[in-house]
Amino acid sequence: MARPNPFQFIQQVRSEVAKVVWPTRREVLTTTGMVFALAALTAIFFSLVDLAIRTGLSGVLNLFG
């Protein structure tokens, strides 16, 4: 495939960028909030799993220690 000259390339880029549907400010804020909320829930979940495993291992090691 032949490479377009720089002028054609810029025209093609502009054409493709014009097709992009940009999110609204509200959509960006909503999505950002959801990402932060899910990150917090994931952190809490893994903290609880870590606590459970640590407590369980400590209990098992105290039985044999």
N, C-alpha and C. Protein backbone atom coordinates (compact mmCIF):
# COMPACT_ATOMS: atom_id res chain seq x y z
N MET A 1 0.85 -1.18 0.00
CA MET A 1 0.00 0.00 0.00
C MET A 1 0.89 1.23 0.00
N ALA A 2 0.62 2.14 -0.89
CA ALA A 2 1.41 3.36 -1.01
C ALA A 2 1.10 4.32 0.13
N ARG A 3 2.12 4.98 0.59
CA ARG A 3 1.92 5.97 1.65
C ARG A 3 1.37 7.26 1.05
N PRO A 4 0.36 7.84 1.71
CA PRO A 4 -0.18 9.12 1.18
C PRO A 4 0.81 10.25 1.47
N ASN A 5 0.72 11.28 0.70
CA ASN A 5 1.59 12.43 0.99
C ASN A 5 1.08 13.12 2.26
N PRO A 6 1.90 13.98 2.86
CA PRO A 6 1.50 14.59 4.14
C PRO A 6 0.16 15.32 4.10
N PHE A 7 -0.13 15.98 3.00
CA PHE A 7 -1.41 16.70 2.90
C PHE A 7 -2.58 15.72 2.95
N GLN A 8 -2.49 14.62 2.21
CA GLN A 8 -3.55 13.60 2.22
C GLN A 8 -3.68 12.98 3.62
N PHE A 9 -2.53 12.75 4.24
CA PHE A 9 -2.54 12.16 5.58
C PHE A 9 -3.30 13.05 6.56
N ILE A 10 -3.03 14.34 6.53
CA ILE A 10 -3.71 15.28 7.43
C ILE A 10 -5.21 15.31 7.14
N GLN A 11 -5.57 15.27 5.87
CA GLN A 11 -6.99 15.23 5.52
C GLN A 11 -7.65 13.97 6.06
N GLN A 12 -6.98 12.83 5.95
CA GLN A 12 -7.53 11.57 6.45
C GLN A 12 -7.66 11.59 7.98
N VAL A 13 -6.67 12.15 8.63
CA VAL A 13 -6.73 12.25 10.10
C VAL A 13 -7.91 13.12 10.52
N ARG A 14 -8.07 14.27 9.87
CA ARG A 14 -9.19 15.16 10.20
C ARG A 14 -10.52 14.46 9.96
N SER A 15 -10.59 13.70 8.87
CA SER A 15 -11.82 12.97 8.55
C SER A 15 -12.15 11.95 9.64
N GLU A 16 -11.13 11.24 10.10
CA GLU A 16 -11.36 10.22 11.14
C GLU A 16 -11.70 10.86 12.48
N VAL A 17 -11.03 11.95 12.82
CA VAL A 17 -11.31 12.63 14.10
C VAL A 17 -12.72 13.19 14.11
N ALA A 18 -13.22 13.59 12.96
CA ALA A 18 -14.59 14.13 12.88
C ALA A 18 -15.62 13.04 13.18
N LYS A 19 -15.26 11.78 13.00
CA LYS A 19 -16.18 10.67 13.25
C LYS A 19 -16.26 10.30 14.74
N VAL A 20 -15.31 10.77 15.53
CA VAL A 20 -15.26 10.42 16.94
C VAL A 20 -16.43 11.06 17.67
N VAL A 21 -17.09 10.28 18.53
CA VAL A 21 -18.16 10.80 19.37
C VAL A 21 -17.56 11.00 20.76
N TRP A 22 -17.31 12.26 21.13
CA TRP A 22 -16.68 12.55 22.40
C TRP A 22 -17.72 12.49 23.52
N PRO A 23 -17.34 11.97 24.69
CA PRO A 23 -18.29 11.92 25.81
C PRO A 23 -18.57 13.31 26.36
N THR A 24 -19.76 13.43 26.95
CA THR A 24 -20.10 14.70 27.58
C THR A 24 -19.39 14.81 28.93
N ARG A 25 -19.38 15.99 29.48
CA ARG A 25 -18.74 16.20 30.79
C ARG A 25 -19.39 15.31 31.85
N ARG A 26 -20.72 15.21 31.79
CA ARG A 26 -21.44 14.39 32.77
C ARG A 26 -21.04 12.92 32.64
N GLU A 27 -20.91 12.43 31.41
CA GLU A 27 -20.50 11.04 31.21
C GLU A 27 -19.10 10.78 31.76
N VAL A 28 -18.21 11.74 31.54
CA VAL A 28 -16.83 11.59 32.04
C VAL A 28 -16.83 11.56 33.57
N LEU A 29 -17.58 12.47 34.19
CA LEU A 29 -17.61 12.52 35.65
C LEU A 29 -18.26 11.26 36.23
N THR A 30 -19.32 10.78 35.60
CA THR A 30 -19.99 9.56 36.07
C THR A 30 -19.06 8.37 35.96
N THR A 31 -18.40 8.23 34.83
CA THR A 31 -17.49 7.11 34.63
C THR A 31 -16.31 7.18 35.61
N THR A 32 -15.79 8.38 35.81
CA THR A 32 -14.68 8.55 36.75
C THR A 32 -15.11 8.16 38.16
N GLY A 33 -16.30 8.58 38.56
CA GLY A 33 -16.81 8.21 39.88
C GLY A 33 -16.98 6.71 40.03
N MET A 34 -17.46 6.06 38.98
CA MET A 34 -17.63 4.62 39.03
C MET A 34 -16.28 3.91 39.15
N VAL A 35 -15.28 4.40 38.44
CA VAL A 35 -13.94 3.81 38.52
C VAL A 35 -13.39 3.93 39.94
N PHE A 36 -13.51 5.11 40.53
CA PHE A 36 -13.02 5.30 41.90
C PHE A 36 -13.78 4.42 42.89
N ALA A 37 -15.10 4.31 42.73
CA ALA A 37 -15.90 3.49 43.64
C ALA A 37 -15.51 2.02 43.52
N LEU A 38 -15.37 1.53 42.30
CA LEU A 38 -14.99 0.13 42.11
C LEU A 38 -13.57 -0.13 42.60
N ALA A 39 -12.67 0.82 42.43
CA ALA A 39 -11.30 0.67 42.95
C ALA A 39 -11.33 0.58 44.47
N ALA A 40 -12.16 1.40 45.12
CA ALA A 40 -12.27 1.37 46.58
C ALA A 40 -12.87 0.04 47.04
N LEU A 41 -13.92 -0.42 46.36
CA LEU A 41 -14.52 -1.71 46.73
C LEU A 41 -13.54 -2.87 46.54
N THR A 42 -12.77 -2.82 45.47
CA THR A 42 -11.78 -3.86 45.24
C THR A 42 -10.71 -3.84 46.32
N ALA A 43 -10.26 -2.65 46.71
CA ALA A 43 -9.26 -2.52 47.77
C ALA A 43 -9.80 -3.07 49.09
N ILE A 44 -11.04 -2.76 49.41
CA ILE A 44 -11.65 -3.28 50.65
C ILE A 44 -11.76 -4.80 50.58
N PHE A 45 -12.21 -5.33 49.45
CA PHE A 45 -12.36 -6.77 49.30
C PHE A 45 -11.03 -7.49 49.51
N PHE A 46 -9.97 -7.02 48.83
CA PHE A 46 -8.68 -7.69 48.96
C PHE A 46 -8.08 -7.49 50.35
N SER A 47 -8.37 -6.38 51.01
CA SER A 47 -7.92 -6.19 52.38
C SER A 47 -8.58 -7.22 53.30
N LEU A 48 -9.88 -7.44 53.10
CA LEU A 48 -10.59 -8.43 53.92
C LEU A 48 -10.09 -9.85 53.64
N VAL A 49 -9.84 -10.17 52.36
CA VAL A 49 -9.30 -11.48 52.02
C VAL A 49 -7.92 -11.66 52.66
N ASP A 50 -7.08 -10.62 52.59
CA ASP A 50 -5.76 -10.68 53.20
C ASP A 50 -5.86 -10.89 54.70
N LEU A 51 -6.77 -10.17 55.34
CA LEU A 51 -6.97 -10.31 56.78
C LEU A 51 -7.42 -11.73 57.13
N ALA A 52 -8.34 -12.29 56.34
CA ALA A 52 -8.83 -13.65 56.60
C ALA A 52 -7.71 -14.67 56.43
N ILE A 53 -6.93 -14.54 55.39
CA ILE A 53 -5.83 -15.50 55.17
C ILE A 53 -4.79 -15.36 56.27
N ARG A 54 -4.44 -14.12 56.63
CA ARG A 54 -3.45 -13.89 57.68
C ARG A 54 -3.93 -14.48 59.01
N THR A 55 -5.21 -14.25 59.34
CA THR A 55 -5.76 -14.77 60.59
C THR A 55 -5.79 -16.30 60.58
N GLY A 56 -6.20 -16.87 59.45
CA GLY A 56 -6.23 -18.33 59.33
C GLY A 56 -4.85 -18.94 59.45
N LEU A 57 -3.87 -18.38 58.78
CA LEU A 57 -2.51 -18.91 58.86
C LEU A 57 -1.93 -18.75 60.25
N SER A 58 -2.20 -17.62 60.89
CA SER A 58 -1.71 -17.43 62.26
C SER A 58 -2.32 -18.48 63.19
N GLY A 59 -3.60 -18.76 63.01
CA GLY A 59 -4.25 -19.78 63.83
C GLY A 59 -3.65 -21.16 63.61
N VAL A 60 -3.41 -21.51 62.37
CA VAL A 60 -2.82 -22.82 62.05
C VAL A 60 -1.40 -22.91 62.59
N LEU A 61 -0.61 -21.85 62.41
CA LEU A 61 0.77 -21.87 62.89
C LEU A 61 0.84 -21.89 64.42
N ASN A 62 -0.12 -21.28 65.10
CA ASN A 62 -0.14 -21.31 66.57
C ASN A 62 -0.50 -22.70 67.07
N LEU A 63 -1.26 -23.48 66.32
CA LEU A 63 -1.59 -24.86 66.71
C LEU A 63 -0.34 -25.73 66.71
N PHE A 64 0.54 -25.51 65.75
CA PHE A 64 1.72 -26.35 65.61
C PHE A 64 2.97 -25.69 66.18
N GLY A 65 2.84 -24.50 66.72
CA GLY A 65 4.03 -23.78 67.19
C GLY A 65 4.19 -23.74 68.63
